Amino acid sequence: MMELASRSVFEFGLRATADLVMRSMADYIVSIQFDEERLALMARIDAIDFAASRVLLWNDQPAGVALIARRGWTSRMALLALLPEARKQGLGSAFVRQLQREARERGDRRMVLEVIEQNGPAVRLYDRCGFRRGRRLLGFRAEPIGSRGETRLHEIDLREVAANVSRHPLFHDLPWQVSAETIGQLTPPNRGYGQNGAWAAAASPAGPVVRVRALAVSGEDLEAQAAAIAMLRGIRATYPSYPVEMIALWPEEGEAVWLAAGFKRNELSQFQLSYDFL
């Protein structure tokens, strides 16, 4: 078994870690922008544990990074990336197995992550390391409608949205980023909305797109489905000059609601993965 040297992100430093992430993911399947401010935001919203997160050392030099989030008995591998020159050396599998051992030793009972389905090398890596595939996660996008519609959404506290995501989850075992715990950590410029038995959180546009962060309804019948569709249409009407999207975090079985609200499915999808410690 390959033994790897590593340092905690806490020891390595936020600025150096953010730089290592950017260099490791320069050729990633999805373009990302990452800096120490983004890393600090992830720590607050996604519960990144800098002591459990690791910088991989190879020949005494930084070669990769893993960001580990923690809640209760569950860890989430929020990010794993290696520098191009460190790949195809067996380091990826060894690094993941080291992170699994460390999670078991600190008393965690489960590790979860999401992996882009079209990223074949990453999918195969997690298969080798024993992760079990769960549901497929989809993303959606709707183009600007051009003029403000008649629908006016009622703005509410984001904590109220989180409470309703907790009480009325559309699906069991939601991905970490759209769970009630995550939504409860959001602050402005994110916005919360509620109307007619539906609740949503959306990132107010600081950039070129409005991103839906959460969606919940108070039932599972056709009336609840109609309320979810109306909420999504209301978000589009509230931000008529912007595209509206949900990144690939929505369970596949809920696709119909988004399509009915005028969204199209994105090309990229993800698998929800888990590893249980026995």
C-alpha atoms as a PDB file:
ATOM      1  CA  MET A   1       0.000   0.000   0.000  1.00  0.00           C
ATOM      2  CA  MET A   2       1.438   3.350  -1.053  1.00  0.00           C
ATOM      3  CA  GLU A   3       2.070   5.664   1.903  1.00  0.00           C
ATOM      4  CA  LEU A   4       1.649   9.322   1.134  1.00  0.00           C
ATOM      5  CA  ALA A   5       2.849  12.430   2.890  1.00  0.00           C
ATOM      6  CA  SER A   6       0.394  15.272   3.318  1.00  0.00           C
ATOM      7  CA  ARG A   7      -0.292  18.434   5.262  1.00  0.00           C
ATOM      8  CA  SER A   8      -3.577  19.824   6.450  1.00  0.00           C
ATOM      9  CA  VAL A   9      -4.952  22.818   4.585  1.00  0.00           C
ATOM     10  CA  PHE A  10      -4.959  24.578   7.949  1.00  0.00           C
ATOM     11  CA  GLU A  11      -1.154  24.214   8.047  1.00  0.00           C
ATOM     12  CA  PHE A  12      -0.598  24.848   4.345  1.00  0.00           C
ATOM     13  CA  GLY A  13      -2.580  28.115   4.276  1.00  0.00           C
ATOM     14  CA  LEU A  14      -5.641  29.311   2.395  1.00  0.00           C
ATOM     15  CA  ARG A  15      -3.873  31.362  -0.252  1.00  0.00           C
ATOM     16  CA  ALA A  16      -1.407  28.590  -1.114  1.00  0.00           C
ATOM     17  CA  THR A  17      -4.238  26.031  -1.181  1.00  0.00           C
ATOM     18  CA  ALA A  18      -6.393  28.169  -3.478  1.00  0.00           C
ATOM     19  CA  ASP A  19      -3.453  28.583  -5.846  1.00  0.00           C
ATOM     20  CA  LEU A  20      -2.847  24.816  -5.827  1.00  0.00           C
ATOM     21  CA  VAL A  21      -6.528  24.196  -6.632  1.00  0.00           C
ATOM     22  CA  MET A  22      -6.376  26.544  -9.622  1.00  0.00           C
ATOM     23  CA  ARG A  23      -3.207  24.925 -10.980  1.00  0.00           C
ATOM     24  CA  SER A  24      -4.578  21.427 -10.451  1.00  0.00           C
ATOM     25  CA  MET A  25      -7.896  22.200 -12.162  1.00  0.00           C
ATOM     26  CA  ALA A  26      -6.681  24.383 -15.032  1.00  0.00           C
ATOM     27  CA  ASP A  27      -7.694  21.654 -17.501  1.00  0.00           C
ATOM     28  CA  TYR A  28     -10.832  20.523 -15.659  1.00  0.00           C
ATOM     29  CA  ILE A  29     -13.940  19.589 -17.610  1.00  0.00           C
ATOM     30  CA  VAL A  30     -15.682  22.658 -16.150  1.00  0.00           C
ATOM     31  CA  SER A  31     -13.988  26.054 -15.944  1.00  0.00           C
ATOM     32  CA  ILE A  32     -13.597  27.255 -12.353  1.00  0.00           C
ATOM     33  CA  GLN A  33     -12.393  30.393 -10.631  1.00  0.00           C
ATOM     34  CA  PHE A  34     -10.955  29.847  -7.174  1.00  0.00           C
ATOM     35  CA  ASP A  35      -9.243  32.049  -4.609  1.00  0.00           C
ATOM     36  CA  GLU A  36      -8.870  32.226  -0.845  1.00  0.00           C
ATOM     37  CA  GLU A  37     -12.125  34.195  -0.513  1.00  0.00           C
ATOM     38  CA  ARG A  38     -13.977  31.390  -2.289  1.00  0.00           C
ATOM     39  CA  LEU A  39     -12.283  28.851  -0.034  1.00  0.00           C
ATOM     40  CA  ALA A  40     -13.373  30.753   3.074  1.00  0.00           C
ATOM     41  CA  LEU A  41     -16.938  30.954   1.729  1.00  0.00           C
ATOM     42  CA  MET A  42     -16.972  27.182   1.184  1.00  0.00           C
ATOM     43  CA  ALA A  43     -15.844  26.707   4.767  1.00  0.00           C
ATOM     44  CA  ARG A  44     -18.839  28.699   6.030  1.00  0.00           C
ATOM     45  CA  ILE A  45     -21.545  27.389   3.707  1.00  0.00           C
ATOM     46  CA  ASP A  46     -20.391  23.852   2.916  1.00  0.00           C
ATOM     47  CA  ALA A  47     -18.721  23.082   6.278  1.00  0.00           C
ATOM     48  CA  ILE A  48     -15.202  22.540   4.894  1.00  0.00           C
ATOM     49  CA  ASP A  49     -12.933  21.294   7.677  1.00  0.00           C
ATOM     50  CA  PHE A  50      -9.454  22.713   7.044  1.00  0.00           C
ATOM     51  CA  ALA A  51      -7.899  20.329   9.562  1.00  0.00           C
ATOM     52  CA  ALA A  52      -9.346  17.269   7.778  1.00  0.00           C
ATOM     53  CA  SER A  53      -8.638  18.660   4.296  1.00  0.00           C
ATOM     54  CA  ARG A  54      -5.290  17.642   2.872  1.00  0.00           C
ATOM     55  CA  VAL A  55      -2.527  18.871   0.567  1.00  0.00           C
ATOM     56  CA  LEU A  56      -0.764  15.893  -1.000  1.00  0.00           C
ATOM     57  CA  LEU A  57       3.039  15.959  -1.037  1.00  0.00           C
ATOM     58  CA  TRP A  58       4.990  14.064  -3.701  1.00  0.00           C
ATOM     59  CA  ASN A  59       8.784  14.210  -3.643  1.00  0.00           C
ATOM     60  CA  ASP A  60       8.348  16.776  -0.868  1.00  0.00           C
ATOM     61  CA  GLN A  61       6.400  19.117  -3.183  1.00  0.00           C
ATOM     62  CA  PRO A  62       2.660  19.938  -3.250  1.00  0.00           C
ATOM     63  CA  ALA A  63       1.045  17.665  -5.831  1.00  0.00           C
ATOM     64  CA  GLY A  64      -2.701  17.779  -5.125  1.00  0.00           C
ATOM     65  CA  VAL A  65      -5.421  18.816  -2.746  1.00  0.00           C
ATOM     66  CA  ALA A  66      -8.564  17.371  -1.176  1.00  0.00           C
ATOM     67  CA  LEU A  67     -11.188  19.550   0.502  1.00  0.00           C
ATOM     68  CA  ILE A  68     -13.200  17.624   3.092  1.00  0.00           C
ATOM     69  CA  ALA A  69     -16.514  18.872   4.462  1.00  0.00           C
ATOM     70  CA  ARG A  70     -17.955  17.401   7.657  1.00  0.00           C
ATOM     71  CA  ARG A  71     -21.371  17.251   9.328  1.00  0.00           C
ATOM     72  CA  GLY A  72     -22.196  14.762  12.041  1.00  0.00           C
ATOM     73  CA  TRP A  73     -21.010  11.274  11.080  1.00  0.00           C
ATOM     74  CA  THR A  74     -20.690  12.155   7.389  1.00  0.00           C
ATOM     75  CA  SER A  75     -17.759  13.559   5.408  1.00  0.00           C
ATOM     76  CA  ARG A  76     -18.029  14.899   1.895  1.00  0.00           C
ATOM     77  CA  MET A  77     -15.151  15.047  -0.541  1.00  0.00           C
ATOM     78  CA  ALA A  78     -15.937  18.524  -1.813  1.00  0.00           C
ATOM     79  CA  LEU A  79     -12.929  18.674  -4.146  1.00  0.00           C
ATOM     80  CA  LEU A  80     -10.102  16.370  -5.200  1.00  0.00           C
ATOM     81  CA  ALA A  81      -7.505  17.466  -7.736  1.00  0.00           C
ATOM     82  CA  LEU A  82      -3.946  16.567  -8.717  1.00  0.00           C
ATOM     83  CA  LEU A  83      -1.424  18.615 -10.659  1.00  0.00           C
ATOM     84  CA  PRO A  84      -1.052  17.315 -14.247  1.00  0.00           C
ATOM     85  CA  GLU A  85       2.505  16.076 -13.625  1.00  0.00           C
ATOM     86  CA  ALA A  86       1.342  14.008 -10.636  1.00  0.00           C
ATOM     87  CA  ARG A  87      -1.322  12.067 -12.514  1.00  0.00           C
ATOM     88  CA  LYS A  88      -1.074   8.489 -13.796  1.00  0.00           C
ATOM     89  CA  GLN A  89       1.289   7.589 -10.951  1.00  0.00           C
ATOM     90  CA  GLY A  90      -1.244   5.778  -8.782  1.00  0.00           C
ATOM     91  CA  LEU A  91      -1.396   8.802  -6.492  1.00  0.00           C
ATOM     92  CA  GLY A  92      -5.114   9.461  -6.983  1.00  0.00           C
ATOM     93  CA  SER A  93      -6.253   6.067  -5.688  1.00  0.00           C
ATOM     94  CA  ALA A  94      -3.727   6.119  -2.856  1.00  0.00           C
ATOM     95  CA  PHE A  95      -4.788   9.626  -1.845  1.00  0.00           C
ATOM     96  CA  VAL A  96      -8.505   8.720  -1.810  1.00  0.00           C
ATOM     97  CA  ARG A  97      -7.843   5.597   0.269  1.00  0.00           C
ATOM     98  CA  GLN A  98      -5.793   7.652   2.723  1.00  0.00           C
ATOM     99  CA  LEU A  99      -8.704  10.091   3.076  1.00  0.00           C
ATOM    100  CA  GLN A 100     -11.047   7.151   3.665  1.00  0.00           C
ATOM    101  CA  ARG A 101      -8.785   5.762   6.386  1.00  0.00           C
ATOM    102  CA  GLU A 102      -8.575   9.128   8.097  1.00  0.00           C
ATOM    103  CA  ALA A 103     -12.365   9.518   7.993  1.00  0.00           C
ATOM    104  CA  ARG A 104     -12.828   6.080   9.553  1.00  0.00           C
ATOM    105  CA  GLU A 105     -10.243   6.844  12.263  1.00  0.00           C
ATOM    106  CA  ARG A 106     -11.992  10.069  13.292  1.00  0.00           C
ATOM    107  CA  GLY A 107     -15.299   8.213  13.693  1.00  0.00           C
ATOM    108  CA  ASP A 108     -17.115   9.080  10.475  1.00  0.00           C
ATOM    109  CA  ARG A 109     -19.613   6.518   9.249  1.00  0.00           C
ATOM    110  CA  ARG A 110     -20.031   7.668   5.673  1.00  0.00           C
ATOM    111  CA  MET A 111     -18.236   9.594   2.940  1.00  0.00           C
ATOM    112  CA  VAL A 112     -20.137  11.162   0.041  1.00  0.00           C
ATOM    113  CA  LEU A 113     -19.278  13.071  -3.109  1.00  0.00           C
ATOM    114  CA  GLU A 114     -20.527  13.955  -6.572  1.00  0.00           C
ATOM    115  CA  VAL A 115     -18.595  13.222  -9.748  1.00  0.00           C
ATOM    116  CA  ILE A 116     -19.270  14.483 -13.253  1.00  0.00           C
ATOM    117  CA  GLU A 117     -20.570  11.514 -15.227  1.00  0.00           C
ATOM    118  CA  GLN A 118     -18.693  12.582 -18.368  1.00  0.00           C
ATOM    119  CA  ASN A 119     -15.374  12.707 -16.467  1.00  0.00           C
ATOM    120  CA  GLY A 120     -14.393   9.097 -17.144  1.00  0.00           C
ATOM    121  CA  PRO A 121     -11.051   9.011 -15.254  1.00  0.00           C
ATOM    122  CA  ALA A 122     -12.639  10.412 -12.094  1.00  0.00           C
ATOM    123  CA  VAL A 123     -15.591   8.004 -12.274  1.00  0.00           C
ATOM    124  CA  ARG A 124     -13.204   5.059 -12.629  1.00  0.00           C
ATOM    125  CA  LEU A 125     -11.070   6.315  -9.735  1.00  0.00           C
ATOM    126  CA  TYR A 126     -13.994   6.344  -7.319  1.00  0.00           C
ATOM    127  CA  ASP A 127     -15.207   2.970  -8.597  1.00  0.00           C
ATOM    128  CA  ARG A 128     -11.771   1.516  -7.781  1.00  0.00           C
ATOM    129  CA  CYS A 129     -11.916   3.002  -4.313  1.00  0.00           C
ATOM    130  CA  GLY A 130     -15.211   1.312  -3.504  1.00  0.00           C
ATOM    131  CA  PHE A 131     -17.695   4.157  -3.783  1.00  0.00           C
ATOM    132  CA  ARG A 132     -21.255   3.087  -4.518  1.00  0.00           C
ATOM    133  CA  ARG A 133     -23.175   4.894  -7.253  1.00  0.00           C
ATOM    134  CA  GLY A 134     -26.490   6.402  -6.277  1.00  0.00           C
ATOM    135  CA  ARG A 135     -28.785   8.539  -8.344  1.00  0.00           C
ATOM    136  CA  ARG A 136     -27.909  10.625 -11.367  1.00  0.00           C
ATOM    137  CA  LEU A 137     -28.008  14.399 -10.816  1.00  0.00           C
ATOM    138  CA  LEU A 138     -29.077  16.793 -13.562  1.00  0.00           C
ATOM    139  CA  GLY A 139     -28.647  20.487 -14.298  1.00  0.00           C
ATOM    140  CA  PHE A 140     -31.051  22.826 -16.079  1.00  0.00           C
ATOM    141  CA  ARG A 141     -30.977  26.228 -17.739  1.00  0.00           C
ATOM    142  CA  ALA A 142     -33.608  28.654 -18.993  1.00  0.00           C
ATOM    143  CA  GLU A 143     -32.795  31.629 -21.190  1.00  0.00           C
ATOM    144  CA  PRO A 144     -33.937  35.193 -20.330  1.00  0.00           C
ATOM    145  CA  ILE A 145     -37.593  35.929 -20.971  1.00  0.00           C
ATOM    146  CA  GLY A 146     -36.740  39.521 -21.893  1.00  0.00           C
ATOM    147  CA  SER A 147     -39.408  41.395 -19.920  1.00  0.00           C
ATOM    148  CA  ARG A 148     -40.635  41.200 -16.356  1.00  0.00           C
ATOM    149  CA  GLY A 149     -43.644  38.922 -16.029  1.00  0.00           C
ATOM    150  CA  GLU A 150     -46.672  39.455 -13.869  1.00  0.00           C
ATOM    151  CA  THR A 151     -45.587  36.962 -11.208  1.00  0.00           C
ATOM    152  CA  ARG A 152     -44.235  38.659  -8.099  1.00  0.00           C
ATOM    153  CA  LEU A 153     -42.457  36.384  -5.683  1.00  0.00           C
ATOM    154  CA  HIS A 154     -42.714  36.973  -1.954  1.00  0.00           C
ATOM    155  CA  GLU A 155     -39.243  37.255  -0.438  1.00  0.00           C
ATOM    156  CA  ILE A 156     -38.626  35.433   2.842  1.00  0.00           C
ATOM    157  CA  ASP A 157     -35.702  34.704   5.147  1.00  0.00           C
ATOM    158  CA  LEU A 158     -33.356  32.080   3.754  1.00  0.00           C
ATOM    159  CA  ARG A 159     -33.596  30.264   7.082  1.00  0.00           C
ATOM    160  CA  GLU A 160     -37.316  29.790   6.409  1.00  0.00           C
ATOM    161  CA  VAL A 161     -36.458  28.236   3.046  1.00  0.00           C
ATOM    162  CA  ALA A 162     -34.004  25.912   4.796  1.00  0.00           C
ATOM    163  CA  ALA A 163     -36.626  24.922   7.363  1.00  0.00           C
ATOM    164  CA  ASN A 164     -39.061  23.974   4.612  1.00  0.00           C
ATOM    165  CA  VAL A 165     -36.391  22.052   2.686  1.00  0.00           C
ATOM    166  CA  SER A 166     -35.902  20.105   5.930  1.00  0.00           C
ATOM    167  CA  ARG A 167     -39.642  19.561   6.499  1.00  0.00           C
ATOM    168  CA  HIS A 168     -40.648  18.978   2.886  1.00  0.00           C
ATOM    169  CA  PRO A 169     -37.715  17.487   0.957  1.00  0.00           C
ATOM    170  CA  LEU A 170     -38.718  16.534  -2.578  1.00  0.00           C
ATOM    171  CA  PHE A 171     -36.245  13.652  -2.411  1.00  0.00           C
ATOM    172  CA  HIS A 172     -34.558  11.590   0.274  1.00  0.00           C
ATOM    173  CA  ASP A 173     -30.839  12.147   0.793  1.00  0.00           C
ATOM    174  CA  LEU A 174     -30.448  15.392  -1.129  1.00  0.00           C
ATOM    175  CA  PRO A 175     -26.948  16.290  -2.324  1.00  0.00           C
ATOM    176  CA  TRP A 176     -24.941  18.228   0.254  1.00  0.00           C
ATOM    177  CA  GLN A 177     -25.049  21.565  -1.621  1.00  0.00           C
ATOM    178  CA  VAL A 178     -28.864  21.695  -1.826  1.00  0.00           C
ATOM    179  CA  SER A 179     -29.551  20.252   1.625  1.00  0.00           C
ATOM    180  CA  ALA A 180     -31.315  22.176   4.363  1.00  0.00           C
ATOM    181  CA  GLU A 181     -28.061  22.503   6.336  1.00  0.00           C
ATOM    182  CA  THR A 182     -26.353  24.249   3.428  1.00  0.00           C
ATOM    183  CA  ILE A 183     -29.291  26.492   2.575  1.00  0.00           C
ATOM    184  CA  GLY A 184     -29.440  27.606   6.205  1.00  0.00           C
ATOM    185  CA  GLN A 185     -25.913  29.036   5.860  1.00  0.00           C
ATOM    186  CA  LEU A 186     -26.735  31.201   2.827  1.00  0.00           C
ATOM    187  CA  THR A 187     -26.852  34.970   3.201  1.00  0.00           C
ATOM    188  CA  PRO A 188     -27.527  37.896   0.832  1.00  0.00           C
ATOM    189  CA  PRO A 189     -27.026  38.408  -2.068  1.00  0.00           C
ATOM    190  CA  ASN A 190     -28.792  35.031  -2.113  1.00  0.00           C
ATOM    191  CA  ARG A 191     -32.553  35.447  -1.823  1.00  0.00           C
ATOM    192  CA  GLY A 192     -35.315  33.288  -0.372  1.00  0.00           C
ATOM    193  CA  TYR A 193     -38.841  33.032  -1.811  1.00  0.00           C
ATOM    194  CA  GLY A 194     -42.075  31.425  -0.713  1.00  0.00           C
ATOM    195  CA  GLN A 195     -45.534  31.224  -2.254  1.00  0.00           C
ATOM    196  CA  ASN A 196     -48.477  28.815  -2.315  1.00  0.00           C
ATOM    197  CA  GLY A 197     -46.720  25.902  -0.665  1.00  0.00           C
ATOM    198  CA  ALA A 198     -43.444  26.237  -2.562  1.00  0.00           C
ATOM    199  CA  TRP A 199     -40.096  27.614  -1.395  1.00  0.00           C
ATOM    200  CA  ALA A 200     -36.875  28.393  -3.223  1.00  0.00           C
ATOM    201  CA  ALA A 201     -33.477  30.004  -2.770  1.00  0.00           C
ATOM    202  CA  ALA A 202     -31.681  31.744  -5.606  1.00  0.00           C
ATOM    203  CA  ALA A 203     -28.369  33.540  -5.983  1.00  0.00           C
ATOM    204  CA  SER A 204     -29.159  37.100  -6.990  1.00  0.00           C
ATOM    205  CA  PRO A 205     -27.153  37.911 -10.129  1.00  0.00           C
ATOM    206  CA  ALA A 206     -23.704  39.230  -9.282  1.00  0.00           C
ATOM    207  CA  GLY A 207     -22.555  37.663 -12.532  1.00  0.00           C
ATOM    208  CA  PRO A 208     -24.126  36.595 -15.787  1.00  0.00           C
ATOM    209  CA  VAL A 209     -26.619  34.067 -14.404  1.00  0.00           C
ATOM    210  CA  VAL A 210     -29.158  33.520 -11.605  1.00  0.00           C
ATOM    211  CA  ARG A 211     -28.568  30.186  -9.897  1.00  0.00           C
ATOM    212  CA  VAL A 212     -31.352  28.291  -8.122  1.00  0.00           C
ATOM    213  CA  ARG A 213     -29.960  26.940  -4.857  1.00  0.00           C
ATOM    214  CA  ALA A 214     -33.003  25.130  -3.417  1.00  0.00           C
ATOM    215  CA  LEU A 215     -36.569  24.112  -4.206  1.00  0.00           C
ATOM    216  CA  ALA A 216     -39.146  22.546  -1.875  1.00  0.00           C
ATOM    217  CA  VAL A 217     -42.909  21.970  -1.914  1.00  0.00           C
ATOM    218  CA  SER A 218     -45.318  20.847   0.798  1.00  0.00           C
ATOM    219  CA  GLY A 219     -46.482  17.652  -0.887  1.00  0.00           C
ATOM    220  CA  GLU A 220     -45.959  15.134  -3.659  1.00  0.00           C
ATOM    221  CA  ASP A 221     -49.243  15.392  -5.575  1.00  0.00           C
ATOM    222  CA  LEU A 222     -50.059  17.249  -8.788  1.00  0.00           C
ATOM    223  CA  GLU A 223     -50.929  20.389  -6.837  1.00  0.00           C
ATOM    224  CA  ALA A 224     -47.465  20.433  -5.268  1.00  0.00           C
ATOM    225  CA  GLN A 225     -45.858  19.840  -8.654  1.00  0.00           C
ATOM    226  CA  ALA A 226     -47.812  22.819 -10.053  1.00  0.00           C
ATOM    227  CA  ALA A 227     -46.586  24.962  -7.147  1.00  0.00           C
ATOM    228  CA  ALA A 228     -42.963  24.027  -7.928  1.00  0.00           C
ATOM    229  CA  ILE A 229     -43.429  24.891 -11.600  1.00  0.00           C
ATOM    230  CA  ALA A 230     -45.005  28.233 -10.660  1.00  0.00           C
ATOM    231  CA  MET A 231     -42.079  28.997  -8.349  1.00  0.00           C
ATOM    232  CA  LEU A 232     -39.529  28.346 -11.088  1.00  0.00           C
ATOM    233  CA  ARG A 233     -41.485  30.466 -13.548  1.00  0.00           C
ATOM    234  CA  GLY A 234     -41.674  33.173 -10.901  1.00  0.00           C
ATOM    235  CA  ILE A 235     -37.889  33.219 -10.524  1.00  0.00           C
ATOM    236  CA  ARG A 236     -37.523  33.609 -14.276  1.00  0.00           C
ATOM    237  CA  ALA A 237     -40.044  36.467 -14.237  1.00  0.00           C
ATOM    238  CA  THR A 238     -38.288  38.155 -11.314  1.00  0.00           C
ATOM    239  CA  TYR A 239     -34.980  38.186 -13.227  1.00  0.00           C
ATOM    240  CA  PRO A 240     -36.159  38.557 -16.839  1.00  0.00           C
ATOM    241  CA  SER A 241     -32.820  39.768 -18.208  1.00  0.00           C
ATOM    242  CA  TYR A 242     -30.784  36.835 -16.906  1.00  0.00           C
ATOM    243  CA  PRO A 243     -30.524  33.130 -17.648  1.00  0.00           C
ATOM    244  CA  VAL A 244     -31.616  30.988 -14.704  1.00  0.00           C
ATOM    245  CA  GLU A 245     -29.910  27.687 -13.964  1.00  0.00           C
ATOM    246  CA  MET A 246     -29.582  24.813 -11.573  1.00  0.00           C
ATOM    247  CA  ILE A 247     -26.178  23.161 -11.738  1.00  0.00           C
ATOM    248  CA  ALA A 248     -26.094  19.355 -11.929  1.00  0.00           C
ATOM    249  CA  LEU A 249     -27.386  18.671  -8.420  1.00  0.00           C
ATOM    250  CA  TRP A 250     -31.062  17.886  -9.028  1.00  0.00           C
ATOM    251  CA  PRO A 251     -32.164  14.235  -8.803  1.00  0.00           C
ATOM    252  CA  GLU A 252     -33.024  12.807 -12.206  1.00  0.00           C
ATOM    253  CA  GLU A 253     -36.488  11.689 -11.127  1.00  0.00           C
ATOM    254  CA  GLY A 254     -37.499  15.352 -10.711  1.00  0.00           C
ATOM    255  CA  GLU A 255     -36.683  16.411 -14.270  1.00  0.00           C
ATOM    256  CA  ALA A 256     -40.309  16.971 -15.358  1.00  0.00           C
ATOM    257  CA  VAL A 257     -40.835  19.990 -13.099  1.00  0.00           C
ATOM    258  CA  TRP A 258     -37.949  21.890 -14.664  1.00  0.00           C
ATOM    259  CA  LEU A 259     -38.931  21.063 -18.228  1.00  0.00           C
ATOM    260  CA  ALA A 260     -42.508  22.194 -17.562  1.00  0.00           C
ATOM    261  CA  ALA A 261     -41.170  25.524 -16.270  1.00  0.00           C
ATOM    262  CA  GLY A 262     -39.343  26.184 -19.561  1.00  0.00           C
ATOM    263  CA  PHE A 263     -35.884  24.891 -18.656  1.00  0.00           C
ATOM    264  CA  LYS A 264     -33.689  22.667 -20.803  1.00  0.00           C
ATOM    265  CA  ARG A 265     -31.467  19.919 -19.477  1.00  0.00           C
ATOM    266  CA  ASN A 266     -27.724  20.630 -19.426  1.00  0.00           C
ATOM    267  CA  GLU A 267     -25.254  18.360 -21.184  1.00  0.00           C
ATOM    268  CA  LEU A 268     -23.240  17.559 -18.056  1.00  0.00           C
ATOM    269  CA  SER A 269     -24.635  15.357 -15.288  1.00  0.00           C
ATOM    270  CA  GLN A 270     -23.255  13.901 -12.069  1.00  0.00           C
ATOM    271  CA  PHE A 271     -23.391  10.697 -10.069  1.00  0.00           C
ATOM    272  CA  GLN A 272     -24.101  10.881  -6.365  1.00  0.00           C
ATOM    273  CA  LEU A 273     -21.591   8.537  -4.686  1.00  0.00           C
ATOM    274  CA  SER A 274     -21.236   7.168  -1.175  1.00  0.00           C
ATOM    275  CA  TYR A 275     -18.866   4.970   0.811  1.00  0.00           C
ATOM    276  CA  ASP A 276     -20.064   3.450   4.085  1.00  0.00           C
ATOM    277  CA  PHE A 277     -17.604   2.566   6.849  1.00  0.00           C
ATOM    278  CA  LEU A 278     -18.602  -0.745   8.409  1.00  0.00           C
END
